Amino acid sequence: MILVNTDFVSGKELQTLGIVKGSMIQSKHLGKDLAAGFKTLVGGELKGYSEMLNEARAIATKRMAEEAEALGADAVINLRYTSATVMQGAAEILVYGTAVNFV
């Protein structure tokens, strides 16, 4: 499966199949939340949250690719990510794009 954030795949003619998406809501446990709270006092990267968001992005991307594969897609173009806070310590990652076939 080819995933690109452009509206084309170089050298390929495309047939649009439709919009596909994947999402994931993930949280860290209370201990990580407390540690991150203390870290905000001194500054620096909140590694626990970085890891959490990277995991959620990977899962959401996999879900989107599976949805595209179910449509018989060769690629997903115009790939975009967005995130939102669902509650303190939990975030939703949404990835979406256009499933296409090569003609």
PDB file of N, CA and C in Angstrom:
ATOM      1  N   MET A   1       0.854  -1.175   0.000  1.00  0.00           N
ATOM      2  CA  MET A   1       0.000   0.000   0.000  1.00  0.00           C
ATOM      3  C   MET A   1       0.899   1.236   0.000  1.00  0.00           C
ATOM      4  N   ILE A   2       0.679   2.100  -0.968  1.00  0.00           N
ATOM      5  CA  ILE A   2       1.410   3.369  -1.039  1.00  0.00           C
ATOM      6  C   ILE A   2       0.605   4.427  -0.305  1.00  0.00           C
ATOM      7  N   LEU A   3       1.255   5.152   0.591  1.00  0.00           N
ATOM      8  CA  LEU A   3       0.622   6.239   1.342  1.00  0.00           C
ATOM      9  C   LEU A   3       1.412   7.510   1.071  1.00  0.00           C
ATOM     10  N   VAL A   4       0.738   8.528   0.520  1.00  0.00           N
ATOM     11  CA  VAL A   4       1.421   9.792   0.216  1.00  0.00           C
ATOM     12  C   VAL A   4       0.553  10.968   0.640  1.00  0.00           C
ATOM     13  N   ASN A   5       1.209  12.095   0.935  1.00  0.00           N
ATOM     14  CA  ASN A   5       0.442  13.287   1.296  1.00  0.00           C
ATOM     15  C   ASN A   5       0.279  14.242   0.120  1.00  0.00           C
ATOM     16  N   THR A   6       0.589  13.774  -1.078  1.00  0.00           N
ATOM     17  CA  THR A   6       0.361  14.554  -2.288  1.00  0.00           C
ATOM     18  C   THR A   6      -0.951  14.114  -2.931  1.00  0.00           C
ATOM     19  N   ASP A   7      -1.413  14.855  -3.921  1.00  0.00           N
ATOM     20  CA  ASP A   7      -2.664  14.479  -4.586  1.00  0.00           C
ATOM     21  C   ASP A   7      -2.405  13.657  -5.854  1.00  0.00           C
ATOM     22  N   PHE A   8      -1.213  13.067  -5.938  1.00  0.00           N
ATOM     23  CA  PHE A   8      -0.854  12.233  -7.085  1.00  0.00           C
ATOM     24  C   PHE A   8       0.182  11.203  -6.642  1.00  0.00           C
ATOM     25  N   VAL A   9       0.352  10.186  -7.462  1.00  0.00           N
ATOM     26  CA  VAL A   9       1.455   9.248  -7.331  1.00  0.00           C
ATOM     27  C   VAL A   9       2.227   9.373  -8.633  1.00  0.00           C
ATOM     28  N   SER A  10       3.458   9.774  -8.551  1.00  0.00           N
ATOM     29  CA  SER A  10       4.270  10.087  -9.724  1.00  0.00           C
ATOM     30  C   SER A  10       4.212   8.965 -10.762  1.00  0.00           C
ATOM     31  N   GLY A  11       3.867   9.360 -11.980  1.00  0.00           N
ATOM     32  CA  GLY A  11       3.839   8.424 -13.097  1.00  0.00           C
ATOM     33  C   GLY A  11       2.623   7.517 -13.159  1.00  0.00           C
ATOM     34  N   LYS A  12       1.642   7.733 -12.301  1.00  0.00           N
ATOM     35  CA  LYS A  12       0.459   6.866 -12.263  1.00  0.00           C
ATOM     36  C   LYS A  12      -0.799   7.668 -12.568  1.00  0.00           C
ATOM     37  N   GLU A  13      -1.689   7.035 -13.325  1.00  0.00           N
ATOM     38  CA  GLU A  13      -3.023   7.585 -13.518  1.00  0.00           C
ATOM     39  C   GLU A  13      -3.917   6.964 -12.461  1.00  0.00           C
ATOM     40  N   LEU A  14      -4.793   7.771 -11.859  1.00  0.00           N
ATOM     41  CA  LEU A  14      -5.540   7.316 -10.692  1.00  0.00           C
ATOM     42  C   LEU A  14      -7.043   7.274 -10.924  1.00  0.00           C
ATOM     43  N   GLN A  15      -7.665   6.291 -10.298  1.00  0.00           N
ATOM     44  CA  GLN A  15      -9.127   6.207 -10.234  1.00  0.00           C
ATOM     45  C   GLN A  15      -9.494   6.322  -8.749  1.00  0.00           C
ATOM     46  N   THR A  16     -10.345   7.286  -8.431  1.00  0.00           N
ATOM     47  CA  THR A  16     -10.734   7.520  -7.039  1.00  0.00           C
ATOM     48  C   THR A  16     -11.746   6.493  -6.572  1.00  0.00           C
ATOM     49  N   LEU A  17     -11.493   5.930  -5.388  1.00  0.00           N
ATOM     50  CA  LEU A  17     -12.427   4.972  -4.787  1.00  0.00           C
ATOM     51  C   LEU A  17     -13.243   5.608  -3.666  1.00  0.00           C
ATOM     52  N   GLY A  18     -12.662   6.561  -2.960  1.00  0.00           N
ATOM     53  CA  GLY A  18     -13.385   7.229  -1.884  1.00  0.00           C
ATOM     54  C   GLY A  18     -12.488   7.568  -0.711  1.00  0.00           C
ATOM     55  N   ILE A  19     -13.077   8.229   0.256  1.00  0.00           N
ATOM     56  CA  ILE A  19     -12.349   8.643   1.454  1.00  0.00           C
ATOM     57  C   ILE A  19     -12.230   7.455   2.402  1.00  0.00           C
ATOM     58  N   VAL A  20     -11.046   7.314   2.986  1.00  0.00           N
ATOM     59  CA  VAL A  20     -10.808   6.299   4.011  1.00  0.00           C
ATOM     60  C   VAL A  20     -10.224   6.987   5.235  1.00  0.00           C
ATOM     61  N   LYS A  21     -10.464   6.377   6.402  1.00  0.00           N
ATOM     62  CA  LYS A  21      -9.962   6.987   7.624  1.00  0.00           C
ATOM     63  C   LYS A  21      -9.657   5.906   8.650  1.00  0.00           C
ATOM     64  N   GLY A  22      -8.854   6.309   9.619  1.00  0.00           N
ATOM     65  CA  GLY A  22      -8.555   5.454  10.754  1.00  0.00           C
ATOM     66  C   GLY A  22      -8.411   6.350  11.963  1.00  0.00           C
ATOM     67  N   SER A  23      -8.822   5.860  13.120  1.00  0.00           N
ATOM     68  CA  SER A  23      -8.677   6.681  14.319  1.00  0.00           C
ATOM     69  C   SER A  23      -8.259   5.813  15.495  1.00  0.00           C
ATOM     70  N   MET A  24      -7.750   6.475  16.500  1.00  0.00           N
ATOM     71  CA  MET A  24      -7.315   5.807  17.718  1.00  0.00           C
ATOM     72  C   MET A  24      -7.397   6.813  18.853  1.00  0.00           C
ATOM     73  N   ILE A  25      -7.993   6.401  19.952  1.00  0.00           N
ATOM     74  CA  ILE A  25      -7.993   7.217  21.169  1.00  0.00           C
ATOM     75  C   ILE A  25      -7.127   6.474  22.166  1.00  0.00           C
ATOM     76  N   GLN A  26      -6.130   7.161  22.675  1.00  0.00           N
ATOM     77  CA  GLN A  26      -5.178   6.510  23.562  1.00  0.00           C
ATOM     78  C   GLN A  26      -4.905   7.383  24.773  1.00  0.00           C
ATOM     79  N   SER A  27      -4.609   6.730  25.885  1.00  0.00           N
ATOM     80  CA  SER A  27      -4.267   7.461  27.104  1.00  0.00           C
ATOM     81  C   SER A  27      -3.075   6.805  27.770  1.00  0.00           C
ATOM     82  N   LYS A  28      -2.448   7.537  28.646  1.00  0.00           N
ATOM     83  CA  LYS A  28      -1.368   7.009  29.477  1.00  0.00           C
ATOM     84  C   LYS A  28      -1.918   6.788  30.866  1.00  0.00           C
ATOM     85  N   HIS A  29      -1.279   5.912  31.605  1.00  0.00           N
ATOM     86  CA  HIS A  29      -1.750   5.633  32.953  1.00  0.00           C
ATOM     87  C   HIS A  29      -1.414   6.785  33.902  1.00  0.00           C
ATOM     88  N   LEU A  30      -2.036   6.779  35.053  1.00  0.00           N
ATOM     89  CA  LEU A  30      -1.926   7.870  36.016  1.00  0.00           C
ATOM     90  C   LEU A  30      -0.494   8.205  36.372  1.00  0.00           C
ATOM     91  N   GLY A  31       0.368   7.207  36.547  1.00  0.00           N
ATOM     92  CA  GLY A  31       1.771   7.458  36.889  1.00  0.00           C
ATOM     93  C   GLY A  31       2.475   8.309  35.851  1.00  0.00           C
ATOM     94  N   LYS A  32       2.256   7.990  34.584  1.00  0.00           N
ATOM     95  CA  LYS A  32       2.860   8.776  33.500  1.00  0.00           C
ATOM     96  C   LYS A  32       2.268  10.177  33.466  1.00  0.00           C
ATOM     97  N   ASP A  33       0.972  10.286  33.753  1.00  0.00           N
ATOM     98  CA  ASP A  33       0.314  11.583  33.775  1.00  0.00           C
ATOM     99  C   ASP A  33       0.906  12.479  34.857  1.00  0.00           C
ATOM    100  N   LEU A  34       1.130  11.918  36.031  1.00  0.00           N
ATOM    101  CA  LEU A  34       1.719  12.689  37.133  1.00  0.00           C
ATOM    102  C   LEU A  34       3.147  13.113  36.805  1.00  0.00           C
ATOM    103  N   ALA A  35       3.934  12.193  36.239  1.00  0.00           N
ATOM    104  CA  ALA A  35       5.308  12.509  35.858  1.00  0.00           C
ATOM    105  C   ALA A  35       5.337  13.631  34.822  1.00  0.00           C
ATOM    106  N   ALA A  36       4.417  13.585  33.868  1.00  0.00           N
ATOM    107  CA  ALA A  36       4.345  14.634  32.841  1.00  0.00           C
ATOM    108  C   ALA A  36       3.969  15.968  33.471  1.00  0.00           C
ATOM    109  N   GLY A  37       3.077  15.932  34.466  1.00  0.00           N
ATOM    110  CA  GLY A  37       2.692  17.160  35.159  1.00  0.00           C
ATOM    111  C   GLY A  37       3.879  17.821  35.831  1.00  0.00           C
ATOM    112  N   PHE A  38       4.723  17.025  36.470  1.00  0.00           N
ATOM    113  CA  PHE A  38       5.930  17.576  37.100  1.00  0.00           C
ATOM    114  C   PHE A  38       6.896  18.107  36.049  1.00  0.00           C
ATOM    115  N   LYS A  39       6.995  17.426  34.930  1.00  0.00           N
ATOM    116  CA  LYS A  39       7.916  17.840  33.863  1.00  0.00           C
ATOM    117  C   LYS A  39       7.529  19.215  33.313  1.00  0.00           C
ATOM    118  N   THR A  40       6.239  19.535  33.299  1.00  0.00           N
ATOM    119  CA  THR A  40       5.822  20.837  32.781  1.00  0.00           C
ATOM    120  C   THR A  40       6.334  21.974  33.655  1.00  0.00           C
ATOM    121  N   LEU A  41       6.667  21.689  34.892  1.00  0.00           N
ATOM    122  CA  LEU A  41       7.209  22.724  35.780  1.00  0.00           C
ATOM    123  C   LEU A  41       8.622  23.141  35.398  1.00  0.00           C
ATOM    124  N   VAL A  42       9.417  22.205  34.867  1.00  0.00           N
ATOM    125  CA  VAL A  42      10.808  22.510  34.529  1.00  0.00           C
ATOM    126  C   VAL A  42      11.040  22.611  33.025  1.00  0.00           C
ATOM    127  N   GLY A  43      10.076  22.187  32.257  1.00  0.00           N
ATOM    128  CA  GLY A  43      10.197  22.252  30.801  1.00  0.00           C
ATOM    129  C   GLY A  43      10.855  21.018  30.221  1.00  0.00           C
ATOM    130  N   GLY A  44      10.767  20.883  28.927  1.00  0.00           N
ATOM    131  CA  GLY A  44      11.359  19.754  28.227  1.00  0.00           C
ATOM    132  C   GLY A  44      10.309  18.881  27.573  1.00  0.00           C
ATOM    133  N   GLU A  45      10.793  17.905  26.839  1.00  0.00           N
ATOM    134  CA  GLU A  45       9.905  16.989  26.115  1.00  0.00           C
ATOM    135  C   GLU A  45       9.168  16.070  27.076  1.00  0.00           C
ATOM    136  N   LEU A  46       7.895  15.874  26.811  1.00  0.00           N
ATOM    137  CA  LEU A  46       7.087  14.917  27.564  1.00  0.00           C
ATOM    138  C   LEU A  46       7.135  13.597  26.803  1.00  0.00           C
ATOM    139  N   LYS A  47       8.187  12.816  27.051  1.00  0.00           N
ATOM    140  CA  LYS A  47       8.457  11.613  26.260  1.00  0.00           C
ATOM    141  C   LYS A  47       7.314  10.604  26.318  1.00  0.00           C
ATOM    142  N   GLY A  48       6.674  10.480  27.471  1.00  0.00           N
ATOM    143  CA  GLY A  48       5.555   9.550  27.575  1.00  0.00           C
ATOM    144  C   GLY A  48       4.438   9.901  26.615  1.00  0.00           C
ATOM    145  N   TYR A  49       4.165  11.209  26.485  1.00  0.00           N
ATOM    146  CA  TYR A  49       3.120  11.639  25.558  1.00  0.00           C
ATOM    147  C   TYR A  49       3.578  11.511  24.109  1.00  0.00           C
ATOM    148  N   SER A  50       4.848  11.775  23.844  1.00  0.00           N
ATOM    149  CA  SER A  50       5.366  11.579  22.482  1.00  0.00           C
ATOM    150  C   SER A  50       5.207  10.133  22.059  1.00  0.00           C
ATOM    151  N   GLU A  51       5.571   9.210  22.959  1.00  0.00           N
ATOM    152  CA  GLU A  51       5.424   7.786  22.666  1.00  0.00           C
ATOM    153  C   GLU A  51       3.956   7.426  22.462  1.00  0.00           C
ATOM    154  N   MET A  52       3.092   7.964  23.316  1.00  0.00           N
ATOM    155  CA  MET A  52       1.664   7.678  23.221  1.00  0.00           C
ATOM    156  C   MET A  52       1.122   8.109  21.862  1.00  0.00           C
ATOM    157  N   LEU A  53       1.474   9.311  21.426  1.00  0.00           N
ATOM    158  CA  LEU A  53       0.968   9.813  20.156  1.00  0.00           C
ATOM    159  C   LEU A  53       1.562   9.051  18.977  1.00  0.00           C
ATOM    160  N   ASN A  54       2.833   8.663  19.060  1.00  0.00           N
ATOM    161  CA  ASN A  54       3.436   7.857  17.990  1.00  0.00           C
ATOM    162  C   ASN A  54       2.743   6.507  17.860  1.00  0.00           C
ATOM    163  N   GLU A  55       2.446   5.862  18.996  1.00  0.00           N
ATOM    164  CA  GLU A  55       1.718   4.592  18.971  1.00  0.00           C
ATOM    165  C   GLU A  55       0.332   4.771  18.359  1.00  0.00           C
ATOM    166  N   ALA A  56      -0.363   5.815  18.783  1.00  0.00           N
ATOM    167  CA  ALA A  56      -1.713   6.061  18.286  1.00  0.00           C
ATOM    168  C   ALA A  56      -1.698   6.360  16.788  1.00  0.00           C
ATOM    169  N   ARG A  57      -0.708   7.128  16.309  1.00  0.00           N
ATOM    170  CA  ARG A  57      -0.590   7.423  14.878  1.00  0.00           C
ATOM    171  C   ARG A  57      -0.378   6.152  14.078  1.00  0.00           C
ATOM    172  N   ALA A  58       0.484   5.270  14.571  1.00  0.00           N
ATOM    173  CA  ALA A  58       0.764   4.021  13.860  1.00  0.00           C
ATOM    174  C   ALA A  58      -0.483   3.144  13.775  1.00  0.00           C
ATOM    175  N   ILE A  59      -1.225   3.056  14.866  1.00  0.00           N
ATOM    176  CA  ILE A  59      -2.447   2.236  14.866  1.00  0.00           C
ATOM    177  C   ILE A  59      -3.502   2.840  13.951  1.00  0.00           C
ATOM    178  N   ALA A  60      -3.690   4.160  14.026  1.00  0.00           N
ATOM    179  CA  ALA A  60      -4.682   4.827  13.172  1.00  0.00           C
ATOM    180  C   ALA A  60      -4.322   4.662  11.696  1.00  0.00           C
ATOM    181  N   THR A  61      -3.035   4.787  11.367  1.00  0.00           N
ATOM    182  CA  THR A  61      -2.592   4.626   9.977  1.00  0.00           C
ATOM    183  C   THR A  61      -2.843   3.205   9.491  1.00  0.00           C
ATOM    184  N   LYS A  62      -2.572   2.223  10.346  1.00  0.00           N
ATOM    185  CA  LYS A  62      -2.826   0.819   9.988  1.00  0.00           C
ATOM    186  C   LYS A  62      -4.313   0.594   9.729  1.00  0.00           C
ATOM    187  N   ARG A  63      -5.159   1.167  10.566  1.00  0.00           N
ATOM    188  CA  ARG A  63      -6.612   1.008  10.387  1.00  0.00           C
ATOM    189  C   ARG A  63      -7.078   1.644   9.088  1.00  0.00           C
ATOM    190  N   MET A  64      -6.529   2.814   8.753  1.00  0.00           N
ATOM    191  CA  MET A  64      -6.895   3.470   7.503  1.00  0.00           C
ATOM    192  C   MET A  64      -6.447   2.628   6.311  1.00  0.00           C
ATOM    193  N   ALA A  65      -5.224   2.109   6.364  1.00  0.00           N
ATOM    194  CA  ALA A  65      -4.705   1.282   5.267  1.00  0.00           C
ATOM    195  C   ALA A  65      -5.551   0.024   5.100  1.00  0.00           C
ATOM    196  N   GLU A  66      -5.992  -0.577   6.204  1.00  0.00           N
ATOM    197  CA  GLU A  66      -6.858  -1.757   6.131  1.00  0.00           C
ATOM    198  C   GLU A  66      -8.197  -1.421   5.479  1.00  0.00           C
ATOM    199  N   GLU A  67      -8.742  -0.248   5.788  1.00  0.00           N
ATOM    200  CA  GLU A  67      -9.997   0.180   5.157  1.00  0.00           C
ATOM    201  C   GLU A  67      -9.795   0.372   3.662  1.00  0.00           C
ATOM    202  N   ALA A  68      -8.646   0.944   3.277  1.00  0.00           N
ATOM    203  CA  ALA A  68      -8.347   1.141   1.853  1.00  0.00           C
ATOM    204  C   ALA A  68      -8.168  -0.198   1.146  1.00  0.00           C
ATOM    205  N   GLU A  69      -7.470  -1.128   1.802  1.00  0.00           N
ATOM    206  CA  GLU A  69      -7.278  -2.458   1.216  1.00  0.00           C
ATOM    207  C   GLU A  69      -8.610  -3.175   1.020  1.00  0.00           C
ATOM    208  N   ALA A  70      -9.541  -2.982   1.944  1.00  0.00           N
ATOM    209  CA  ALA A  70     -10.874  -3.603   1.818  1.00  0.00           C
ATOM    210  C   ALA A  70     -11.607  -3.076   0.593  1.00  0.00           C
ATOM    211  N   LEU A  71     -11.298  -1.858   0.166  1.00  0.00           N
ATOM    212  CA  LEU A  71     -11.880  -1.293  -1.051  1.00  0.00           C
ATOM    213  C   LEU A  71     -11.129  -1.735  -2.302  1.00  0.00           C
ATOM    214  N   GLY A  72      -9.999  -2.408  -2.116  1.00  0.00           N
ATOM    215  CA  GLY A  72      -9.177  -2.832  -3.250  1.00  0.00           C
ATOM    216  C   GLY A  72      -8.227  -1.751  -3.723  1.00  0.00           C
ATOM    217  N   ALA A  73      -7.915  -0.783  -2.879  1.00  0.00           N
ATOM    218  CA  ALA A  73      -7.068   0.345  -3.264  1.00  0.00           C
ATOM    219  C   ALA A  73      -5.607  -0.059  -3.428  1.00  0.00           C
ATOM    220  N   ASP A  74      -4.938   0.636  -4.337  1.00  0.00           N
ATOM    221  CA  ASP A  74      -3.490   0.485  -4.515  1.00  0.00           C
ATOM    222  C   ASP A  74      -2.724   1.502  -3.667  1.00  0.00           C
ATOM    223  N   ALA A  75      -3.387   2.625  -3.343  1.00  0.00           N
ATOM    224  CA  ALA A  75      -2.715   3.705  -2.614  1.00  0.00           C
ATOM    225  C   ALA A  75      -3.737   4.573  -1.903  1.00  0.00           C
ATOM    226  N   VAL A  76      -3.232   5.374  -0.983  1.00  0.00           N
ATOM    227  CA  VAL A  76      -4.026   6.435  -0.361  1.00  0.00           C
ATOM    228  C   VAL A  76      -3.262   7.726  -0.592  1.00  0.00           C
ATOM    229  N   ILE A  77      -3.938   8.697  -1.196  1.00  0.00           N
ATOM    230  CA  ILE A  77      -3.316   9.996  -1.479  1.00  0.00           C
ATOM    231  C   ILE A  77      -3.928  11.066  -0.563  1.00  0.00           C
ATOM    232  N   ASN A  78      -3.302  12.230  -0.546  1.00  0.00           N
ATOM    233  CA  ASN A  78      -3.762  13.359   0.283  1.00  0.00           C
ATOM    234  C   ASN A  78      -3.885  12.962   1.756  1.00  0.00           C
ATOM    235  N   LEU A  79      -2.945  12.173   2.233  1.00  0.00           N
ATOM    236  CA  LEU A  79      -2.952  11.694   3.609  1.00  0.00           C
ATOM    237  C   LEU A  79      -2.811  12.871   4.575  1.00  0.00           C
ATOM    238  N   ARG A  80      -3.689  12.920   5.575  1.00  0.00           N
ATOM    239  CA  ARG A  80      -3.669  13.995   6.573  1.00  0.00           C
ATOM    240  C   ARG A  80      -3.898  13.414   7.956  1.00  0.00           C
ATOM    241  N   TYR A  81      -3.249  14.034   8.946  1.00  0.00           N
ATOM    242  CA  TYR A  81      -3.427  13.662  10.351  1.00  0.00           C
ATOM    243  C   TYR A  81      -4.013  14.837  11.115  1.00  0.00           C
ATOM    244  N   THR A  82      -4.827  14.524  12.088  1.00  0.00           N
ATOM    245  CA  THR A  82      -5.338  15.536  12.999  1.00  0.00           C
ATOM    246  C   THR A  82      -5.435  14.901  14.377  1.00  0.00           C
ATOM    247  N   SER A  83      -5.420  15.737  15.397  1.00  0.00           N
ATOM    248  CA  SER A  83      -5.538  15.205  16.757  1.00  0.00           C
ATOM    249  C   SER A  83      -6.444  16.111  17.571  1.00  0.00           C
ATOM    250  N   ALA A  84      -6.991  15.520  18.621  1.00  0.00           N
ATOM    251  CA  ALA A  84      -7.862  16.272  19.524  1.00  0.00           C
ATOM    252  C   ALA A  84      -7.737  15.669  20.914  1.00  0.00           C
ATOM    253  N   THR A  85      -7.853  16.509  21.909  1.00  0.00           N
ATOM    254  CA  THR A  85      -7.870  16.034  23.284  1.00  0.00           C
ATOM    255  C   THR A  85      -9.276  15.571  23.606  1.00  0.00           C
ATOM    256  N   VAL A  86      -9.395  14.343  24.054  1.00  0.00           N
ATOM    257  CA  VAL A  86     -10.691  13.784  24.403  1.00  0.00           C
ATOM    258  C   VAL A  86     -10.988  14.069  25.872  1.00  0.00           C
ATOM    259  N   MET A  87      -9.959  13.924  26.698  1.00  0.00           N
ATOM    260  CA  MET A  87     -10.022  14.251  28.121  1.00  0.00           C
ATOM    261  C   MET A  87      -8.581  14.401  28.585  1.00  0.00           C
ATOM    262  N   GLN A  88      -8.364  14.850  29.781  1.00  0.00           N
ATOM    263  CA  GLN A  88      -6.994  15.020  30.253  1.00  0.00           C
ATOM    264  C   GLN A  88      -6.253  13.689  30.190  1.00  0.00           C
ATOM    265  N   GLY A  89      -5.128  13.688  29.501  1.00  0.00           N
ATOM    266  CA  GLY A  89      -4.324  12.478  29.387  1.00  0.00           C
ATOM    267  C   GLY A  89      -4.745  11.536  28.285  1.00  0.00           C
ATOM    268  N   ALA A  90      -5.755  11.904  27.491  1.00  0.00           N
ATOM    269  CA  ALA A  90      -6.200  11.048  26.386  1.00  0.00           C
ATOM    270  C   ALA A  90      -6.360  11.886  25.126  1.00  0.00           C
ATOM    271  N   ALA A  91      -5.874  11.344  24.028  1.00  0.00           N
ATOM    272  CA  ALA A  91      -5.951  12.071  22.761  1.00  0.00           C
ATOM    273  C   ALA A  91      -6.459  11.145  21.667  1.00  0.00           C
ATOM    274  N   GLU A  92      -7.176  11.746  20.721  1.00  0.00           N
ATOM    275  CA  GLU A  92      -7.606  11.012  19.535  1.00  0.00           C
ATOM    276  C   GLU A  92      -6.710  11.432  18.389  1.00  0.00           C
ATOM    277  N   ILE A  93      -6.249  10.463  17.640  1.00  0.00           N
ATOM    278  CA  ILE A  93      -5.526  10.707  16.393  1.00  0.00           C
ATOM    279  C   ILE A  93      -6.423  10.225  15.274  1.00  0.00           C
ATOM    280  N   LEU A  94      -6.633  11.065  14.290  1.00  0.00           N
ATOM    281  CA  LEU A  94      -7.427  10.708  13.116  1.00  0.00           C
ATOM    282  C   LEU A  94      -6.542  10.890  11.894  1.00  0.00           C
ATOM    283  N   VAL A  95      -6.527   9.893  11.029  1.00  0.00           N
ATOM    284  CA  VAL A  95      -5.814   9.978   9.765  1.00  0.00           C
ATOM    285  C   VAL A  95      -6.833   9.699   8.661  1.00  0.00           C
ATOM    286  N   TYR A  96      -6.742  10.454   7.585  1.00  0.00           N
ATOM    287  CA  TYR A  96      -7.683  10.257   6.485  1.00  0.00           C
ATOM    288  C   TYR A  96      -7.015  10.597   5.162  1.00  0.00           C
ATOM    289  N   GLY A  97      -7.594  10.084   4.105  1.00  0.00           N
ATOM    290  CA  GLY A  97      -7.075  10.331   2.769  1.00  0.00           C
ATOM    291  C   GLY A  97      -8.038   9.777   1.735  1.00  0.00           C
ATOM    292  N   THR A  98      -7.609   9.797   0.490  1.00  0.00           N
ATOM    293  CA  THR A  98      -8.420   9.312  -0.615  1.00  0.00           C
ATOM    294  C   THR A  98      -7.839   8.013  -1.143  1.00  0.00           C
ATOM    295  N   ALA A  99      -8.630   6.962  -1.104  1.00  0.00           N
ATOM    296  CA  ALA A  99      -8.216   5.664  -1.632  1.00  0.00           C
ATOM    297  C   ALA A  99      -8.303   5.712  -3.158  1.00  0.00           C
ATOM    298  N   VAL A 100      -7.262   5.201  -3.828  1.00  0.00           N
ATOM    299  CA  VAL A 100      -7.224   5.217  -5.282  1.00  0.00           C
ATOM    300  C   VAL A 100      -6.701   3.892  -5.823  1.00  0.00           C
ATOM    301  N   ASN A 101      -7.043   3.646  -7.081  1.00  0.00           N
ATOM    302  CA  ASN A 101      -6.474   2.529  -7.848  1.00  0.00           C
ATOM    303  C   ASN A 101      -5.642   3.111  -8.970  1.00  0.00           C
ATOM    304  N   PHE A 102      -4.655   2.351  -9.405  1.00  0.00           N
ATOM    305  CA  PHE A 102      -3.877   2.736 -10.578  1.00  0.00           C
ATOM    306  C   PHE A 102      -4.579   2.198 -11.822  1.00  0.00           C
ATOM    307  N   VAL A 103      -4.694   3.056 -12.851  1.00  0.00           N
ATOM    308  CA  VAL A 103      -5.324   2.619 -14.101  1.00  0.00           C
ATOM    309  C   VAL A 103      -4.307   2.568 -15.213  1.00  0.00           C
TER     310      VAL A 103
END
